[in-house]
Amino acid sequence: MLSISANELLKKTDNTASYEIDKEFTIDDDQVKTLDDISGKLELQLRNNFVIATGNFKSSVELVCDRCTNNYTSLLEFDFD
């Protein structure tokens, strides 16, 4: 778990902080196997009484094809803001 204090954002001149993320990543599902850690970038901006979070994360997983039941690797990647 990543814990960030709002006081840390207040110390920045633009009230913004960026973090590189590289954490262990697991999915509780028998048909999905994680192959590597989740990695990406998280940016937090303090604006008045709330925090705006933006980022991009990715990780590789091994999935099972429903049609042929063979395993295959897929890149999971998502952006949020």
C-alpha atoms as a PDB file:
ATOM      1  CA  MET A   1       0.000   0.000   0.000  1.00  0.00           C
ATOM      2  CA  LEU A   2       1.201   3.498  -0.841  1.00  0.00           C
ATOM      3  CA  SER A   3       0.502   6.138   1.792  1.00  0.00           C
ATOM      4  CA  ILE A   4       1.122   9.817   1.079  1.00  0.00           C
ATOM      5  CA  SER A   5       0.553  12.697   3.472  1.00  0.00           C
ATOM      6  CA  ALA A   6      -1.229  15.832   2.243  1.00  0.00           C
ATOM      7  CA  ASN A   7       1.448  17.774   4.140  1.00  0.00           C
ATOM      8  CA  GLU A   8       3.988  16.415   1.655  1.00  0.00           C
ATOM      9  CA  LEU A   9       2.019  18.014  -1.191  1.00  0.00           C
ATOM     10  CA  LEU A  10       1.756  21.298   0.714  1.00  0.00           C
ATOM     11  CA  LYS A  11       5.569  21.462   0.949  1.00  0.00           C
ATOM     12  CA  LYS A  12       5.883  21.504  -2.850  1.00  0.00           C
ATOM     13  CA  THR A  13       5.803  24.917  -4.531  1.00  0.00           C
ATOM     14  CA  ASP A  14       3.172  23.764  -7.047  1.00  0.00           C
ATOM     15  CA  ASN A  15       1.404  21.363  -4.604  1.00  0.00           C
ATOM     16  CA  THR A  16       2.223  18.482  -6.983  1.00  0.00           C
ATOM     17  CA  ALA A  17       4.186  15.292  -6.392  1.00  0.00           C
ATOM     18  CA  SER A  18       5.131  12.500  -8.806  1.00  0.00           C
ATOM     19  CA  TYR A  19       5.909   8.930  -7.838  1.00  0.00           C
ATOM     20  CA  GLU A  20       7.362   6.027  -9.791  1.00  0.00           C
ATOM     21  CA  ILE A  21       5.542   2.842  -8.809  1.00  0.00           C
ATOM     22  CA  ASP A  22       7.009  -0.662  -8.948  1.00  0.00           C
ATOM     23  CA  LYS A  23       5.027  -2.930  -6.631  1.00  0.00           C
ATOM     24  CA  GLU A  24       4.216  -6.609  -6.334  1.00  0.00           C
ATOM     25  CA  PHE A  25       0.921  -7.270  -8.064  1.00  0.00           C
ATOM     26  CA  THR A  26      -1.391 -10.254  -7.657  1.00  0.00           C
ATOM     27  CA  ILE A  27      -4.894 -11.038  -8.842  1.00  0.00           C
ATOM     28  CA  ASP A  28      -7.076 -13.405  -6.854  1.00  0.00           C
ATOM     29  CA  ASP A  29      -8.327 -15.433  -9.825  1.00  0.00           C
ATOM     30  CA  ASP A  30      -7.521 -19.026 -10.852  1.00  0.00           C
ATOM     31  CA  GLN A  31      -7.463 -18.137 -14.552  1.00  0.00           C
ATOM     32  CA  VAL A  32      -5.128 -15.139 -14.284  1.00  0.00           C
ATOM     33  CA  LYS A  33      -1.468 -15.398 -13.312  1.00  0.00           C
ATOM     34  CA  THR A  34       0.585 -12.232 -12.798  1.00  0.00           C
ATOM     35  CA  LEU A  35       3.964 -12.356 -14.536  1.00  0.00           C
ATOM     36  CA  ASP A  36       5.638  -9.229 -13.192  1.00  0.00           C
ATOM     37  CA  ASP A  37       5.204  -6.308 -10.822  1.00  0.00           C
ATOM     38  CA  ILE A  38       2.868  -3.440 -11.600  1.00  0.00           C
ATOM     39  CA  SER A  39       4.826  -0.378 -12.684  1.00  0.00           C
ATOM     40  CA  GLY A  40       3.977   3.140 -13.683  1.00  0.00           C
ATOM     41  CA  LYS A  41       3.757   6.743 -12.649  1.00  0.00           C
ATOM     42  CA  LEU A  42       1.387   8.440 -10.210  1.00  0.00           C
ATOM     43  CA  GLU A  43       0.964  12.208 -10.014  1.00  0.00           C
ATOM     44  CA  LEU A  44      -0.937  13.900  -7.199  1.00  0.00           C
ATOM     45  CA  GLN A  45      -2.028  17.546  -7.204  1.00  0.00           C
ATOM     46  CA  LEU A  46      -3.481  19.268  -4.173  1.00  0.00           C
ATOM     47  CA  ARG A  47      -6.264  21.662  -5.218  1.00  0.00           C
ATOM     48  CA  ASN A  48      -8.184  23.512  -2.485  1.00  0.00           C
ATOM     49  CA  ASN A  49      -9.823  20.731  -0.423  1.00  0.00           C
ATOM     50  CA  PHE A  50      -9.228  17.758  -2.710  1.00  0.00           C
ATOM     51  CA  VAL A  51      -6.465  15.767  -4.438  1.00  0.00           C
ATOM     52  CA  ILE A  52      -6.370  15.107  -8.181  1.00  0.00           C
ATOM     53  CA  ALA A  53      -4.705  11.809  -9.076  1.00  0.00           C
ATOM     54  CA  THR A  54      -3.487  10.920 -12.564  1.00  0.00           C
ATOM     55  CA  GLY A  55      -1.346   8.054 -13.683  1.00  0.00           C
ATOM     56  CA  ASN A  56      -0.411   5.223 -15.983  1.00  0.00           C
ATOM     57  CA  PHE A  57       0.195   1.668 -14.864  1.00  0.00           C
ATOM     58  CA  LYS A  58       1.060  -1.591 -16.593  1.00  0.00           C
ATOM     59  CA  SER A  59       1.781  -5.241 -15.884  1.00  0.00           C
ATOM     60  CA  SER A  60       1.874  -8.528 -17.785  1.00  0.00           C
ATOM     61  CA  VAL A  61      -0.490 -11.385 -17.003  1.00  0.00           C
ATOM     62  CA  GLU A  62      -0.972 -14.916 -18.258  1.00  0.00           C
ATOM     63  CA  LEU A  63      -4.557 -15.730 -19.241  1.00  0.00           C
ATOM     64  CA  VAL A  64      -6.378 -18.835 -20.435  1.00  0.00           C
ATOM     65  CA  CYS A  65      -8.121 -18.743 -23.812  1.00  0.00           C
ATOM     66  CA  ASP A  66     -11.797 -19.725 -23.442  1.00  0.00           C
ATOM     67  CA  ARG A  67     -11.830 -21.248 -26.919  1.00  0.00           C
ATOM     68  CA  CYS A  68      -8.731 -23.431 -26.991  1.00  0.00           C
ATOM     69  CA  THR A  69      -7.747 -23.405 -23.267  1.00  0.00           C
ATOM     70  CA  ASN A  70      -4.146 -22.474 -24.144  1.00  0.00           C
ATOM     71  CA  ASN A  71      -2.312 -19.935 -22.024  1.00  0.00           C
ATOM     72  CA  TYR A  72      -1.296 -16.586 -23.506  1.00  0.00           C
ATOM     73  CA  THR A  73       0.385 -13.445 -22.238  1.00  0.00           C
ATOM     74  CA  SER A  74      -1.334 -10.075 -22.268  1.00  0.00           C
ATOM     75  CA  LEU A  75      -0.169  -6.607 -21.270  1.00  0.00           C
ATOM     76  CA  LEU A  76      -2.561  -4.837 -18.914  1.00  0.00           C
ATOM     77  CA  GLU A  77      -2.167  -1.082 -19.198  1.00  0.00           C
ATOM     78  CA  PHE A  78      -4.432   1.655 -17.956  1.00  0.00           C
ATOM     79  CA  ASP A  79      -4.483   5.420 -17.584  1.00  0.00           C
ATOM     80  CA  PHE A  80      -6.603   7.311 -15.122  1.00  0.00           C
ATOM     81  CA  ASP A  81      -7.349  10.897 -14.173  1.00  0.00           C
END
